[in-house]
Amino acid sequence: MVLWWIGNALLLVVILPVVIALLNRVLAALERIRAASDEILGGGVALIGELDGAPEALATTDATIKAVAAGAVRYAGPVSKLLGA
């Protein structure tokens, strides 16, 4: 029975503080991760507001590409004749 009490005392004096310290480190890391994820979420929400004009910008880009492609085809024909290809 004496060994049982010594084991209990050892558990309370040595093992329990180690477990509490490790748990404290894990919880601190968890709080840092939670703060970082909240910051990322805030940045994502702010980014959504910046993307409102994206469809119009893409439509303008598509129109510009079509105009440039038509001009490039018109240019390539005479250049190929000059080069004799």
C-alpha atoms as a PDB file:
ATOM      1  CA  MET A   1       0.000   0.000   0.000  1.00  0.00           C
ATOM      2  CA  VAL A   2       2.922   2.281   0.691  1.00  0.00           C
ATOM      3  CA  LEU A   3       4.157   1.865  -2.881  1.00  0.00           C
ATOM      4  CA  TRP A   4       0.694   2.863  -4.081  1.00  0.00           C
ATOM      5  CA  TRP A   5       0.908   6.156  -2.165  1.00  0.00           C
ATOM      6  CA  ILE A   6       4.443   6.772  -3.440  1.00  0.00           C
ATOM      7  CA  GLY A   7       3.217   6.216  -6.988  1.00  0.00           C
ATOM      8  CA  ASN A   8       0.331   8.650  -6.457  1.00  0.00           C
ATOM      9  CA  ALA A   9       2.677  11.255  -5.017  1.00  0.00           C
ATOM     10  CA  LEU A  10       5.059  10.799  -7.926  1.00  0.00           C
ATOM     11  CA  LEU A  11       2.153  11.201 -10.326  1.00  0.00           C
ATOM     12  CA  LEU A  12       1.068  14.446  -8.693  1.00  0.00           C
ATOM     13  CA  VAL A  13       4.545  15.901  -8.317  1.00  0.00           C
ATOM     14  CA  VAL A  14       6.218  14.909 -11.613  1.00  0.00           C
ATOM     15  CA  ILE A  15       3.856  13.674 -14.271  1.00  0.00           C
ATOM     16  CA  LEU A  16       0.904  16.014 -13.800  1.00  0.00           C
ATOM     17  CA  PRO A  17       2.962  19.255 -14.136  1.00  0.00           C
ATOM     18  CA  VAL A  18       4.628  17.885 -17.274  1.00  0.00           C
ATOM     19  CA  VAL A  19       1.244  17.063 -18.790  1.00  0.00           C
ATOM     20  CA  ILE A  20      -0.084  20.499 -17.883  1.00  0.00           C
ATOM     21  CA  ALA A  21       2.975  22.211 -19.405  1.00  0.00           C
ATOM     22  CA  LEU A  22       2.621  20.240 -22.636  1.00  0.00           C
ATOM     23  CA  LEU A  23      -1.099  20.995 -22.780  1.00  0.00           C
ATOM     24  CA  ASN A  24      -0.333  24.679 -22.258  1.00  0.00           C
ATOM     25  CA  ARG A  25       2.096  24.640 -25.218  1.00  0.00           C
ATOM     26  CA  VAL A  26      -0.467  22.922 -27.437  1.00  0.00           C
ATOM     27  CA  LEU A  27      -3.186  25.405 -26.493  1.00  0.00           C
ATOM     28  CA  ALA A  28      -0.855  28.356 -27.110  1.00  0.00           C
ATOM     29  CA  ALA A  29      -0.049  27.032 -30.583  1.00  0.00           C
ATOM     30  CA  LEU A  30      -3.756  26.543 -31.199  1.00  0.00           C
ATOM     31  CA  GLU A  31      -4.438  30.178 -30.310  1.00  0.00           C
ATOM     32  CA  ARG A  32      -1.692  31.360 -32.696  1.00  0.00           C
ATOM     33  CA  ILE A  33      -3.167  29.234 -35.466  1.00  0.00           C
ATOM     34  CA  ARG A  34      -6.642  30.588 -34.757  1.00  0.00           C
ATOM     35  CA  ALA A  35      -5.363  34.179 -34.901  1.00  0.00           C
ATOM     36  CA  ALA A  36      -3.567  33.508 -38.194  1.00  0.00           C
ATOM     37  CA  SER A  37      -6.655  31.874 -39.709  1.00  0.00           C
ATOM     38  CA  ASP A  38      -8.798  34.845 -38.652  1.00  0.00           C
ATOM     39  CA  GLU A  39      -6.307  37.169 -40.332  1.00  0.00           C
ATOM     40  CA  ILE A  40      -6.387  35.069 -43.510  1.00  0.00           C
ATOM     41  CA  LEU A  41     -10.182  35.116 -43.489  1.00  0.00           C
ATOM     42  CA  GLY A  42     -10.186  38.895 -43.138  1.00  0.00           C
ATOM     43  CA  GLY A  43      -7.804  39.212 -46.072  1.00  0.00           C
ATOM     44  CA  GLY A  44      -9.970  36.918 -48.175  1.00  0.00           C
ATOM     45  CA  VAL A  45     -13.069  38.954 -47.420  1.00  0.00           C
ATOM     46  CA  ALA A  46     -11.219  42.147 -48.368  1.00  0.00           C
ATOM     47  CA  LEU A  47     -10.064  40.502 -51.597  1.00  0.00           C
ATOM     48  CA  ILE A  48     -13.631  39.649 -52.587  1.00  0.00           C
ATOM     49  CA  GLY A  49     -14.430  43.370 -52.663  1.00  0.00           C
ATOM     50  CA  GLU A  50     -11.543  43.950 -55.070  1.00  0.00           C
ATOM     51  CA  LEU A  51     -12.834  41.351 -57.537  1.00  0.00           C
ATOM     52  CA  ASP A  52     -16.144  43.080 -58.333  1.00  0.00           C
ATOM     53  CA  GLY A  53     -14.818  44.541 -61.595  1.00  0.00           C
ATOM     54  CA  ALA A  54     -13.171  41.323 -62.806  1.00  0.00           C
ATOM     55  CA  PRO A  55     -15.909  40.214 -65.280  1.00  0.00           C
ATOM     56  CA  GLU A  56     -15.877  43.585 -67.064  1.00  0.00           C
ATOM     57  CA  ALA A  57     -12.072  43.563 -67.181  1.00  0.00           C
ATOM     58  CA  LEU A  58     -12.067  40.056 -68.638  1.00  0.00           C
ATOM     59  CA  ALA A  59     -14.609  41.082 -71.288  1.00  0.00           C
ATOM     60  CA  THR A  60     -12.380  44.016 -72.272  1.00  0.00           C
ATOM     61  CA  THR A  61      -9.369  41.697 -72.420  1.00  0.00           C
ATOM     62  CA  ASP A  62     -11.242  39.232 -74.643  1.00  0.00           C
ATOM     63  CA  ALA A  63     -12.254  42.022 -77.043  1.00  0.00           C
ATOM     64  CA  THR A  64      -8.675  43.308 -77.183  1.00  0.00           C
ATOM     65  CA  ILE A  65      -7.300  39.832 -77.894  1.00  0.00           C
ATOM     66  CA  LYS A  66      -9.774  39.357 -80.750  1.00  0.00           C
ATOM     67  CA  ALA A  67      -8.798  42.721 -82.254  1.00  0.00           C
ATOM     68  CA  VAL A  68      -5.086  41.963 -81.960  1.00  0.00           C
ATOM     69  CA  ALA A  69      -5.565  38.486 -83.427  1.00  0.00           C
ATOM     70  CA  ALA A  70      -7.392  39.906 -86.453  1.00  0.00           C
ATOM     71  CA  GLY A  71      -4.629  42.475 -86.987  1.00  0.00           C
ATOM     72  CA  ALA A  72      -1.937  39.813 -86.631  1.00  0.00           C
ATOM     73  CA  VAL A  73      -3.584  37.650 -89.279  1.00  0.00           C
ATOM     74  CA  ARG A  74      -3.833  40.639 -91.644  1.00  0.00           C
ATOM     75  CA  TYR A  75      -0.147  41.403 -90.995  1.00  0.00           C
ATOM     76  CA  ALA A  76       1.085  37.825 -91.350  1.00  0.00           C
ATOM     77  CA  GLY A  77      -0.333  37.413 -94.882  1.00  0.00           C
ATOM     78  CA  PRO A  78       1.730  40.171 -96.551  1.00  0.00           C
ATOM     79  CA  VAL A  79       4.825  39.306 -94.498  1.00  0.00           C
ATOM     80  CA  SER A  80       4.696  35.714 -95.698  1.00  0.00           C
ATOM     81  CA  LYS A  81       4.441  36.938 -99.294  1.00  0.00           C
ATOM     82  CA  LEU A  82       7.461  39.205 -98.795  1.00  0.00           C
ATOM     83  CA  LEU A  83       9.483  36.383 -97.316  1.00  0.00           C
ATOM     84  CA  GLY A  84       8.474  34.032-100.099  1.00  0.00           C
ATOM     85  CA  ALA A  85       7.013  31.419 -97.875  1.00  0.00           C
END
